[in-house]
């Protein structure tokens, strides 16, 4: 039996070899940061919504989708109306990047 991935561990859900979260988190180096990112995205989009979104795209696109969801959740926290795109277009992308770093650090 595989150990639970850090995403499933923080969500307190069962984890399997075919876990959709495990592959989404590989781009994040620290186990703690993987957990922080998962909790933040799950709180923003809802756990079921997050899992449904991730499951709806081909496996090879899931890490990019998770990263996109993390940036969007951070962007919407800073700019509720226009989100990450608004920050990018207004030249304030650094705020979104800083927010993502803050989430990863916990």
PDB file of N, CA and C in Angstrom:
ATOM      1  N   UNK A   1       0.852  -1.193   0.000  1.00  0.00           N
ATOM      2  CA  UNK A   1       0.000   0.000   0.000  1.00  0.00           C
ATOM      3  C   UNK A   1       0.887   1.242   0.000  1.00  0.00           C
ATOM      4  N   UNK A   2       0.619   2.151  -0.919  1.00  0.00           N
ATOM      5  CA  UNK A   2       1.400   3.382  -1.011  1.00  0.00           C
ATOM      6  C   UNK A   2       1.028   4.306   0.139  1.00  0.00           C
ATOM      7  N   UNK A   3       2.001   5.084   0.590  1.00  0.00           N
ATOM      8  CA  UNK A   3       1.706   6.101   1.606  1.00  0.00           C
ATOM      9  C   UNK A   3       0.809   7.155   0.981  1.00  0.00           C
ATOM     10  N   UNK A   4      -0.038   7.735   1.816  1.00  0.00           N
ATOM     11  CA  UNK A   4      -0.890   8.812   1.311  1.00  0.00           C
ATOM     12  C   UNK A   4      -0.026   9.945   0.793  1.00  0.00           C
ATOM     13  N   UNK A   5      -0.457  10.542  -0.312  1.00  0.00           N
ATOM     14  CA  UNK A   5       0.257  11.725  -0.797  1.00  0.00           C
ATOM     15  C   UNK A   5      -0.047  12.863   0.170  1.00  0.00           C
ATOM     16  N   UNK A   6       0.726  13.919   0.088  1.00  0.00           N
ATOM     17  CA  UNK A   6       0.558  15.038   1.020  1.00  0.00           C
ATOM     18  C   UNK A   6      -0.767  15.764   0.822  1.00  0.00           C
ATOM     19  N   UNK A   7      -1.320  15.709  -0.392  1.00  0.00           N
ATOM     20  CA  UNK A   7      -2.630  16.299  -0.635  1.00  0.00           C
ATOM     21  C   UNK A   7      -3.726  15.538   0.092  1.00  0.00           C
ATOM     22  N   UNK A   8      -3.741  14.215  -0.084  1.00  0.00           N
ATOM     23  CA  UNK A   8      -4.762  13.389   0.582  1.00  0.00           C
ATOM     24  C   UNK A   8      -4.598  13.426   2.099  1.00  0.00           C
ATOM     25  N   UNK A   9      -3.351  13.480   2.553  1.00  0.00           N
ATOM     26  CA  UNK A   9      -3.083  13.507   3.989  1.00  0.00           C
ATOM     27  C   UNK A   9      -3.744  14.733   4.629  1.00  0.00           C
ATOM     28  N   UNK A  10      -3.568  15.920   4.037  1.00  0.00           N
ATOM     29  CA  UNK A  10      -4.142  17.126   4.640  1.00  0.00           C
ATOM     30  C   UNK A  10      -5.657  17.195   4.472  1.00  0.00           C
ATOM     31  N   UNK A  11      -6.179  16.541   3.436  1.00  0.00           N
ATOM     32  CA  UNK A  11      -7.633  16.507   3.238  1.00  0.00           C
ATOM     33  C   UNK A  11      -8.271  15.369   4.030  1.00  0.00           C
ATOM     34  N   UNK A  12      -7.430  14.549   4.659  1.00  0.00           N
ATOM     35  CA  UNK A  12      -7.867  13.382   5.436  1.00  0.00           C
ATOM     36  C   UNK A  12      -8.775  12.475   4.610  1.00  0.00           C
ATOM     37  N   UNK A  13      -8.288  12.168   3.388  1.00  0.00           N
ATOM     38  CA  UNK A  13      -9.036  11.246   2.542  1.00  0.00           C
ATOM     39  C   UNK A  13      -8.134  10.108   2.127  1.00  0.00           C
ATOM     40  N   UNK A  14      -8.751   9.016   1.732  1.00  0.00           N
ATOM     41  CA  UNK A  14      -7.978   7.862   1.299  1.00  0.00           C
ATOM     42  C   UNK A  14      -7.182   8.164   0.044  1.00  0.00           C
ATOM     43  N   UNK A  15      -6.026   7.545  -0.059  1.00  0.00           N
ATOM     44  CA  UNK A  15      -5.148   7.774  -1.203  1.00  0.00           C
ATOM     45  C   UNK A  15      -4.861   6.417  -1.839  1.00  0.00           C
ATOM     46  N   UNK A  16      -4.763   6.403  -3.161  1.00  0.00           N
ATOM     47  CA  UNK A  16      -4.493   5.148  -3.862  1.00  0.00           C
ATOM     48  C   UNK A  16      -3.360   5.349  -4.850  1.00  0.00           C
ATOM     49  N   UNK A  17      -2.928   4.271  -5.480  1.00  0.00           N
ATOM     50  CA  UNK A  17      -1.878   4.369  -6.496  1.00  0.00           C
ATOM     51  C   UNK A  17      -2.323   5.248  -7.656  1.00  0.00           C
ATOM     52  N   UNK A  18      -3.626   5.293  -7.920  1.00  0.00           N
ATOM     53  CA  UNK A  18      -4.151   6.097  -9.014  1.00  0.00           C
ATOM     54  C   UNK A  18      -4.596   7.490  -8.590  1.00  0.00           C
ATOM     55  N   UNK A  19      -4.101   7.950  -7.456  1.00  0.00           N
ATOM     56  CA  UNK A  19      -4.501   9.239  -6.885  1.00  0.00           C
ATOM     57  C   UNK A  19      -4.281  10.378  -7.887  1.00  0.00           C
ATOM     58  N   UNK A  20      -5.319  11.195  -8.113  1.00  0.00           N
ATOM     59  CA  UNK A  20      -5.192  12.317  -9.046  1.00  0.00           C
ATOM     60  C   UNK A  20      -4.405  13.476  -8.432  1.00  0.00           C
ATOM     61  N   UNK A  21      -4.403  13.584  -7.118  1.00  0.00           N
ATOM     62  CA  UNK A  21      -3.682  14.682  -6.470  1.00  0.00           C
ATOM     63  C   UNK A  21      -2.173  14.472  -6.475  1.00  0.00           C
ATOM     64  N   UNK A  22      -1.743  13.234  -6.254  1.00  0.00           N
ATOM     65  CA  UNK A  22      -0.314  12.935  -6.136  1.00  0.00           C
ATOM     66  C   UNK A  22       0.471  13.522  -7.315  1.00  0.00           C
ATOM     67  N   UNK A  23      -0.002  13.256  -8.528  1.00  0.00           N
ATOM     68  CA  UNK A  23       0.726  13.742  -9.708  1.00  0.00           C
ATOM     69  C   UNK A  23       0.640  15.257  -9.848  1.00  0.00           C
ATOM     70  N   UNK A  24      -0.440  15.860  -9.323  1.00  0.00           N
ATOM     71  CA  UNK A  24      -0.612  17.315  -9.409  1.00  0.00           C
ATOM     72  C   UNK A  24       0.396  18.063  -8.558  1.00  0.00           C
ATOM     73  N   UNK A  25       0.893  17.410  -7.533  1.00  0.00           N
ATOM     74  CA  UNK A  25       1.732  18.092  -6.547  1.00  0.00           C
ATOM     75  C   UNK A  25       3.220  17.905  -6.787  1.00  0.00           C
ATOM     76  N   UNK A  26       3.586  17.125  -7.777  1.00  0.00           N
ATOM     77  CA  UNK A  26       5.009  16.802  -7.989  1.00  0.00           C
ATOM     78  C   UNK A  26       5.879  18.030  -8.243  1.00  0.00           C
ATOM     79  N   UNK A  27       5.311  19.081  -8.818  1.00  0.00           N
ATOM     80  CA  UNK A  27       6.094  20.290  -9.114  1.00  0.00           C
ATOM     81  C   UNK A  27       6.433  21.094  -7.857  1.00  0.00           C
ATOM     82  N   UNK A  28       5.774  20.769  -6.748  1.00  0.00           N
ATOM     83  CA  UNK A  28       6.042  21.454  -5.477  1.00  0.00           C
ATOM     84  C   UNK A  28       7.002  20.573  -4.682  1.00  0.00           C
ATOM     85  N   UNK A  29       8.183  21.093  -4.367  1.00  0.00           N
ATOM     86  CA  UNK A  29       9.229  20.263  -3.767  1.00  0.00           C
ATOM     87  C   UNK A  29       8.940  19.819  -2.333  1.00  0.00           C
ATOM     88  N   UNK A  30       8.532  20.737  -1.483  1.00  0.00           N
ATOM     89  CA  UNK A  30       8.391  20.432  -0.064  1.00  0.00           C
ATOM     90  C   UNK A  30       7.060  19.739   0.242  1.00  0.00           C
ATOM     91  N   UNK A  31       7.094  18.661   1.027  1.00  0.00           N
ATOM     92  CA  UNK A  31       5.848  17.985   1.431  1.00  0.00           C
ATOM     93  C   UNK A  31       4.884  18.936   2.151  1.00  0.00           C
ATOM     94  N   UNK A  32       5.412  19.803   3.017  1.00  0.00           N
ATOM     95  CA  UNK A  32       4.546  20.760   3.717  1.00  0.00           C
ATOM     96  C   UNK A  32       3.895  21.718   2.725  1.00  0.00           C
ATOM     97  N   UNK A  33       4.675  22.199   1.763  1.00  0.00           N
ATOM     98  CA  UNK A  33       4.148  23.122   0.760  1.00  0.00           C
ATOM     99  C   UNK A  33       3.057  22.442  -0.075  1.00  0.00           C
ATOM    100  N   UNK A  34       3.234  21.160  -0.385  1.00  0.00           N
ATOM    101  CA  UNK A  34       2.200  20.412  -1.117  1.00  0.00           C
ATOM    102  C   UNK A  34       0.904  20.411  -0.318  1.00  0.00           C
ATOM    103  N   UNK A  35       1.013  20.193   0.978  1.00  0.00           N
ATOM    104  CA  UNK A  35      -0.164  20.199   1.841  1.00  0.00           C
ATOM    105  C   UNK A  35      -0.824  21.561   1.906  1.00  0.00           C
ATOM    106  N   UNK A  36      -0.010  22.609   2.081  1.00  0.00           N
ATOM    107  CA  UNK A  36      -0.552  23.978   2.160  1.00  0.00           C
ATOM    108  C   UNK A  36      -1.294  24.336   0.868  1.00  0.00           C
ATOM    109  N   UNK A  37      -0.700  24.013  -0.275  1.00  0.00           N
ATOM    110  CA  UNK A  37      -1.320  24.333  -1.565  1.00  0.00           C
ATOM    111  C   UNK A  37      -2.646  23.599  -1.719  1.00  0.00           C
ATOM    112  N   UNK A  38      -2.667  22.318  -1.338  1.00  0.00           N
ATOM    113  CA  UNK A  38      -3.883  21.516  -1.461  1.00  0.00           C
ATOM    114  C   UNK A  38      -5.005  22.092  -0.611  1.00  0.00           C
ATOM    115  N   UNK A  39      -4.705  22.418   0.634  1.00  0.00           N
ATOM    116  CA  UNK A  39      -5.726  22.967   1.538  1.00  0.00           C
ATOM    117  C   UNK A  39      -6.258  24.289   0.984  1.00  0.00           C
ATOM    118  N   UNK A  40      -5.367  25.157   0.489  1.00  0.00           N
ATOM    119  CA  UNK A  40      -5.778  26.462  -0.025  1.00  0.00           C
ATOM    120  C   UNK A  40      -6.697  26.314  -1.238  1.00  0.00           C
ATOM    121  N   UNK A  41      -6.302  25.472  -2.183  1.00  0.00           N
ATOM    122  CA  UNK A  41      -7.114  25.275  -3.394  1.00  0.00           C
ATOM    123  C   UNK A  41      -8.451  24.614  -3.031  1.00  0.00           C
ATOM    124  N   UNK A  42      -8.416  23.644  -2.127  1.00  0.00           N
ATOM    125  CA  UNK A  42      -9.645  22.949  -1.722  1.00  0.00           C
ATOM    126  C   UNK A  42     -10.603  23.893  -0.992  1.00  0.00           C
ATOM    127  N   UNK A  43     -10.067  24.792  -0.170  1.00  0.00           N
ATOM    128  CA  UNK A  43     -10.935  25.756   0.521  1.00  0.00           C
ATOM    129  C   UNK A  43     -11.559  26.725  -0.474  1.00  0.00           C
ATOM    130  N   UNK A  44     -10.791  27.103  -1.487  1.00  0.00           N
ATOM    131  CA  UNK A  44     -11.277  28.093  -2.452  1.00  0.00           C
ATOM    132  C   UNK A  44     -12.319  27.504  -3.402  1.00  0.00           C
ATOM    133  N   UNK A  45     -12.022  26.344  -3.982  1.00  0.00           N
ATOM    134  CA  UNK A  45     -12.906  25.743  -4.991  1.00  0.00           C
ATOM    135  C   UNK A  45     -13.825  24.671  -4.422  1.00  0.00           C
ATOM    136  N   UNK A  46     -13.633  24.325  -3.142  1.00  0.00           N
ATOM    137  CA  UNK A  46     -14.360  23.211  -2.547  1.00  0.00           C
ATOM    138  C   UNK A  46     -13.636  21.925  -2.900  1.00  0.00           C
ATOM    139  N   UNK A  47     -13.574  21.013  -1.952  1.00  0.00           N
ATOM    140  CA  UNK A  47     -12.842  19.770  -2.171  1.00  0.00           C
ATOM    141  C   UNK A  47     -13.397  18.984  -3.351  1.00  0.00           C
ATOM    142  N   UNK A  48     -14.720  18.828  -3.379  1.00  0.00           N
ATOM    143  CA  UNK A  48     -15.344  18.058  -4.463  1.00  0.00           C
ATOM    144  C   UNK A  48     -15.146  18.743  -5.811  1.00  0.00           C
ATOM    145  N   UNK A  49     -15.281  20.073  -5.818  1.00  0.00           N
ATOM    146  CA  UNK A  49     -15.092  20.823  -7.057  1.00  0.00           C
ATOM    147  C   UNK A  49     -13.674  20.699  -7.574  1.00  0.00           C
ATOM    148  N   UNK A  50     -12.708  20.800  -6.659  1.00  0.00           N
ATOM    149  CA  UNK A  50     -11.306  20.677  -7.036  1.00  0.00           C
ATOM    150  C   UNK A  50     -11.022  19.295  -7.636  1.00  0.00           C
ATOM    151  N   UNK A  51     -11.505  18.263  -6.965  1.00  0.00           N
ATOM    152  CA  UNK A  51     -11.256  16.891  -7.440  1.00  0.00           C
ATOM    153  C   UNK A  51     -11.948  16.648  -8.782  1.00  0.00           C
ATOM    154  N   UNK A  52     -13.155  17.187  -8.953  1.00  0.00           N
ATOM    155  CA  UNK A  52     -13.880  17.021 -10.219  1.00  0.00           C
ATOM    156  C   UNK A  52     -13.150  17.728 -11.360  1.00  0.00           C
ATOM    157  N   UNK A  53     -12.675  18.946 -11.106  1.00  0.00           N
ATOM    158  CA  UNK A  53     -11.928  19.687 -12.129  1.00  0.00           C
ATOM    159  C   UNK A  53     -10.676  18.919 -12.535  1.00  0.00           C
ATOM    160  N   UNK A  54      -9.914  18.467 -11.556  1.00  0.00           N
ATOM    161  CA  UNK A  54      -8.668  17.754 -11.841  1.00  0.00           C
ATOM    162  C   UNK A  54      -8.950  16.467 -12.618  1.00  0.00           C
ATOM    163  N   UNK A  55      -9.985  15.758 -12.218  1.00  0.00           N
ATOM    164  CA  UNK A  55     -10.326  14.491 -12.877  1.00  0.00           C
ATOM    165  C   UNK A  55     -10.840  14.687 -14.298  1.00  0.00           C
ATOM    166  N   UNK A  56     -11.281  15.910 -14.610  1.00  0.00           N
ATOM    167  CA  UNK A  56     -11.907  16.156 -15.918  1.00  0.00           C
ATOM    168  C   UNK A  56     -10.906  16.384 -17.048  1.00  0.00           C
ATOM    169  N   UNK A  57      -9.634  16.533 -16.716  1.00  0.00           N
ATOM    170  CA  UNK A  57      -8.631  16.766 -17.765  1.00  0.00           C
ATOM    171  C   UNK A  57      -7.710  15.554 -17.883  1.00  0.00           C
ATOM    172  N   UNK A  58      -7.080  15.389 -19.054  1.00  0.00           N
ATOM    173  CA  UNK A  58      -6.153  14.266 -19.236  1.00  0.00           C
ATOM    174  C   UNK A  58      -5.028  14.314 -18.189  1.00  0.00           C
ATOM    175  N   UNK A  59      -4.531  13.136 -17.816  1.00  0.00           N
ATOM    176  CA  UNK A  59      -3.516  13.031 -16.761  1.00  0.00           C
ATOM    177  C   UNK A  59      -2.327  13.953 -16.966  1.00  0.00           C
ATOM    178  N   UNK A  60      -1.854  14.058 -18.205  1.00  0.00           N
ATOM    179  CA  UNK A  60      -0.648  14.858 -18.446  1.00  0.00           C
ATOM    180  C   UNK A  60      -0.882  16.352 -18.234  1.00  0.00           C
ATOM    181  N   UNK A  61      -2.145  16.785 -18.159  1.00  0.00           N
ATOM    182  CA  UNK A  61      -2.455  18.206 -17.959  1.00  0.00           C
ATOM    183  C   UNK A  61      -2.799  18.548 -16.506  1.00  0.00           C
ATOM    184  N   UNK A  62      -2.905  17.533 -15.664  1.00  0.00           N
ATOM    185  CA  UNK A  62      -3.357  17.759 -14.283  1.00  0.00           C
ATOM    186  C   UNK A  62      -2.405  18.613 -13.451  1.00  0.00           C
ATOM    187  N   UNK A  63      -1.087  18.409 -13.532  1.00  0.00           N
ATOM    188  CA  UNK A  63      -0.207  19.298 -12.755  1.00  0.00           C
ATOM    189  C   UNK A  63      -0.360  20.767 -13.172  1.00  0.00           C
ATOM    190  N   UNK A  64      -0.469  21.025 -14.464  1.00  0.00           N
ATOM    191  CA  UNK A  64      -0.642  22.406 -14.947  1.00  0.00           C
ATOM    192  C   UNK A  64      -1.984  22.966 -14.476  1.00  0.00           C
ATOM    193  N   UNK A  65      -3.026  22.142 -14.469  1.00  0.00           N
ATOM    194  CA  UNK A  65      -4.332  22.597 -13.998  1.00  0.00           C
ATOM    195  C   UNK A  65      -4.263  22.950 -12.520  1.00  0.00           C
ATOM    196  N   UNK A  66      -3.630  22.097 -11.719  1.00  0.00           N
ATOM    197  CA  UNK A  66      -3.539  22.375 -10.283  1.00  0.00           C
ATOM    198  C   UNK A  66      -2.792  23.682 -10.048  1.00  0.00           C
ATOM    199  N   UNK A  67      -1.706  23.888 -10.786  1.00  0.00           N
ATOM    200  CA  UNK A  67      -0.930  25.114 -10.659  1.00  0.00           C
ATOM    201  C   UNK A  67      -1.799  26.325 -11.038  1.00  0.00           C
ATOM    202  N   UNK A  68      -2.567  26.173 -12.095  1.00  0.00           N
ATOM    203  CA  UNK A  68      -3.466  27.237 -12.537  1.00  0.00           C
ATOM    204  C   UNK A  68      -4.523  27.538 -11.470  1.00  0.00           C
ATOM    205  N   UNK A  69      -5.085  26.495 -10.855  1.00  0.00           N
ATOM    206  CA  UNK A  69      -6.083  26.685  -9.797  1.00  0.00           C
ATOM    207  C   UNK A  69      -5.466  27.409  -8.598  1.00  0.00           C
ATOM    208  N   UNK A  70      -4.229  27.063  -8.267  1.00  0.00           N
ATOM    209  CA  UNK A  70      -3.549  27.716  -7.151  1.00  0.00           C
ATOM    210  C   UNK A  70      -3.348  29.205  -7.444  1.00  0.00           C
ATOM    211  N   UNK A  71      -2.859  29.515  -8.643  1.00  0.00           N
ATOM    212  CA  UNK A  71      -2.653  30.919  -9.006  1.00  0.00           C
ATOM    213  C   UNK A  71      -3.978  31.670  -9.067  1.00  0.00           C
ATOM    214  N   UNK A  72      -5.019  31.035  -9.583  1.00  0.00           N
ATOM    215  CA  UNK A  72      -6.321  31.703  -9.668  1.00  0.00           C
ATOM    216  C   UNK A  72      -6.895  31.960  -8.276  1.00  0.00           C
ATOM    217  N   UNK A  73      -6.779  30.979  -7.381  1.00  0.00           N
ATOM    218  CA  UNK A  73      -7.279  31.166  -6.018  1.00  0.00           C
ATOM    219  C   UNK A  73      -6.532  32.320  -5.334  1.00  0.00           C
ATOM    220  N   UNK A  74      -5.214  32.370  -5.518  1.00  0.00           N
ATOM    221  CA  UNK A  74      -4.427  33.470  -4.940  1.00  0.00           C
ATOM    222  C   UNK A  74      -4.816  34.798  -5.585  1.00  0.00           C
ATOM    223  N   UNK A  75      -4.956  34.808  -6.904  1.00  0.00           N
ATOM    224  CA  UNK A  75      -5.331  36.028  -7.619  1.00  0.00           C
ATOM    225  C   UNK A  75      -6.687  36.552  -7.189  1.00  0.00           C
ATOM    226  N   UNK A  76      -7.641  35.656  -7.000  1.00  0.00           N
ATOM    227  CA  UNK A  76      -8.996  36.068  -6.580  1.00  0.00           C
ATOM    228  C   UNK A  76      -9.008  36.553  -5.135  1.00  0.00           C
ATOM    229  N   UNK A  77      -8.086  36.056  -4.334  1.00  0.00           N
ATOM    230  CA  UNK A  77      -7.994  36.521  -2.948  1.00  0.00           C
ATOM    231  C   UNK A  77      -7.547  37.983  -2.927  1.00  0.00           C
ATOM    232  N   UNK A  78      -6.618  38.325  -3.830  1.00  0.00           N
ATOM    233  CA  UNK A  78      -6.100  39.692  -3.912  1.00  0.00           C
ATOM    234  C   UNK A  78      -7.057  40.593  -4.693  1.00  0.00           C
ATOM    235  N   UNK A  79      -7.555  40.087  -5.821  1.00  0.00           N
ATOM    236  CA  UNK A  79      -8.414  40.867  -6.714  1.00  0.00           C
ATOM    237  C   UNK A  79      -9.662  40.027  -7.023  1.00  0.00           C
ATOM    238  N   UNK A  80     -10.677  40.105  -6.147  1.00  0.00           N
ATOM    239  CA  UNK A  80     -11.855  39.243  -6.288  1.00  0.00           C
ATOM    240  C   UNK A  80     -12.592  39.365  -7.624  1.00  0.00           C
ATOM    241  N   UNK A  81     -12.535  40.529  -8.249  1.00  0.00           N
ATOM    242  CA  UNK A  81     -13.279  40.730  -9.497  1.00  0.00           C
ATOM    243  C   UNK A  81     -12.552  40.131 -10.698  1.00  0.00           C
ATOM    244  N   UNK A  82     -11.283  40.437 -10.845  1.00  0.00           N
ATOM    245  CA  UNK A  82     -10.568  40.028 -12.059  1.00  0.00           C
ATOM    246  C   UNK A  82      -9.553  38.906 -11.851  1.00  0.00           C
ATOM    247  N   UNK A  83      -9.259  38.559 -10.613  1.00  0.00           N
ATOM    248  CA  UNK A  83      -8.389  37.425 -10.326  1.00  0.00           C
ATOM    249  C   UNK A  83      -6.991  37.541 -10.894  1.00  0.00           C
ATOM    250  N   UNK A  84      -6.401  36.391 -11.188  1.00  0.00           N
ATOM    251  CA  UNK A  84      -5.023  36.328 -11.668  1.00  0.00           C
ATOM    252  C   UNK A  84      -4.860  37.077 -12.995  1.00  0.00           C
ATOM    253  N   UNK A  85      -5.837  36.963 -13.882  1.00  0.00           N
ATOM    254  CA  UNK A  85      -5.756  37.650 -15.178  1.00  0.00           C
ATOM    255  C   UNK A  85      -5.732  39.159 -14.984  1.00  0.00           C
ATOM    256  N   UNK A  86      -6.550  39.652 -14.074  1.00  0.00           N
ATOM    257  CA  UNK A  86      -6.562  41.082 -13.773  1.00  0.00           C
ATOM    258  C   UNK A  86      -5.222  41.558 -13.250  1.00  0.00           C
ATOM    259  N   UNK A  87      -4.599  40.747 -12.386  1.00  0.00           N
ATOM    260  CA  UNK A  87      -3.284  41.114 -11.856  1.00  0.00           C
ATOM    261  C   UNK A  87      -2.236  41.111 -12.961  1.00  0.00           C
ATOM    262  N   UNK A  88      -2.322  40.142 -13.856  1.00  0.00           N
ATOM    263  CA  UNK A  88      -1.379  40.060 -14.976  1.00  0.00           C
ATOM    264  C   UNK A  88      -1.537  41.275 -15.891  1.00  0.00           C
ATOM    265  N   UNK A  89      -2.780  41.581 -16.263  1.00  0.00           N
ATOM    266  CA  UNK A  89      -3.059  42.681 -17.197  1.00  0.00           C
ATOM    267  C   UNK A  89      -2.728  44.052 -16.608  1.00  0.00           C
ATOM    268  N   UNK A  90      -2.854  44.196 -15.299  1.00  0.00           N
ATOM    269  CA  UNK A  90      -2.599  45.493 -14.674  1.00  0.00           C
ATOM    270  C   UNK A  90      -1.136  45.666 -14.280  1.00  0.00           C
ATOM    271  N   UNK A  91      -0.306  44.686 -14.616  1.00  0.00           N
ATOM    272  CA  UNK A  91       1.109  44.777 -14.271  1.00  0.00           C
ATOM    273  C   UNK A  91       1.403  44.449 -12.820  1.00  0.00           C
ATOM    274  N   UNK A  92       0.458  43.807 -12.151  1.00  0.00           N
ATOM    275  CA  UNK A  92       0.618  43.475 -10.725  1.00  0.00           C
ATOM    276  C   UNK A  92       0.835  41.982 -10.498  1.00  0.00           C
ATOM    277  N   UNK A  93       1.390  41.298 -11.489  1.00  0.00           N
ATOM    278  CA  UNK A  93       1.556  39.846 -11.403  1.00  0.00           C
ATOM    279  C   UNK A  93       2.396  39.443 -10.197  1.00  0.00           C
ATOM    280  N   UNK A  94       3.350  40.283  -9.821  1.00  0.00           N
ATOM    281  CA  UNK A  94       4.210  39.971  -8.674  1.00  0.00           C
ATOM    282  C   UNK A  94       3.379  39.734  -7.417  1.00  0.00           C
ATOM    283  N   UNK A  95       2.264  40.438  -7.272  1.00  0.00           N
ATOM    284  CA  UNK A  95       1.391  40.223  -6.106  1.00  0.00           C
ATOM    285  C   UNK A  95       0.858  38.794  -6.090  1.00  0.00           C
ATOM    286  N   UNK A  96       0.491  38.287  -7.273  1.00  0.00           N
ATOM    287  CA  UNK A  96      -0.030  36.922  -7.370  1.00  0.00           C
ATOM    288  C   UNK A  96       1.089  35.922  -7.053  1.00  0.00           C
ATOM    289  N   UNK A  97       2.270  36.144  -7.610  1.00  0.00           N
ATOM    290  CA  UNK A  97       3.407  35.254  -7.335  1.00  0.00           C
ATOM    291  C   UNK A  97       3.759  35.263  -5.846  1.00  0.00           C
ATOM    292  N   UNK A  98       3.744  36.450  -5.240  1.00  0.00           N
ATOM    293  CA  UNK A  98       4.036  36.558  -3.813  1.00  0.00           C
ATOM    294  C   UNK A  98       2.999  35.806  -2.977  1.00  0.00           C
ATOM    295  N   UNK A  99       1.730  35.902  -3.385  1.00  0.00           N
ATOM    296  CA  UNK A  99       0.660  35.204  -2.660  1.00  0.00           C
ATOM    297  C   UNK A  99       0.853  33.692  -2.762  1.00  0.00           C
ATOM    298  N   UNK A 100       1.225  33.202  -3.947  1.00  0.00           N
ATOM    299  CA  UNK A 100       1.469  31.763  -4.118  1.00  0.00           C
ATOM    300  C   UNK A 100       2.626  31.332  -3.201  1.00  0.00           C
ATOM    301  N   UNK A 101       3.696  32.114  -3.177  1.00  0.00           N
ATOM    302  CA  UNK A 101       4.838  31.787  -2.295  1.00  0.00           C
ATOM    303  C   UNK A 101       4.401  31.750  -0.832  1.00  0.00           C
ATOM    304  N   UNK A 102       3.540  32.697  -0.447  1.00  0.00           N
ATOM    305  CA  UNK A 102       3.046  32.750   0.933  1.00  0.00           C
ATOM    306  C   UNK A 102       2.230  31.492   1.253  1.00  0.00           C
ATOM    307  N   UNK A 103       1.368  31.081   0.327  1.00  0.00           N
ATOM    308  CA  UNK A 103       0.577  29.860   0.537  1.00  0.00           C
ATOM    309  C   UNK A 103       1.503  28.653   0.675  1.00  0.00           C
ATOM    310  N   UNK A 104       2.486  28.541  -0.189  1.00  0.00           N
ATOM    311  CA  UNK A 104       3.398  27.387  -0.149  1.00  0.00           C
ATOM    312  C   UNK A 104       4.182  27.338   1.166  1.00  0.00           C
ATOM    313  N   UNK A 105       4.471  28.518   1.722  1.00  0.00           N
ATOM    314  CA  UNK A 105       5.205  28.564   2.994  1.00  0.00           C
ATOM    315  C   UNK A 105       4.279  28.304   4.183  1.00  0.00           C
ATOM    316  N   UNK A 106       2.962  28.368   3.937  1.00  0.00           N
ATOM    317  CA  UNK A 106       2.018  28.121   5.032  1.00  0.00           C
ATOM    318  C   UNK A 106       1.598  29.392   5.693  1.00  0.00           C
TER     319      UNK A 106
END
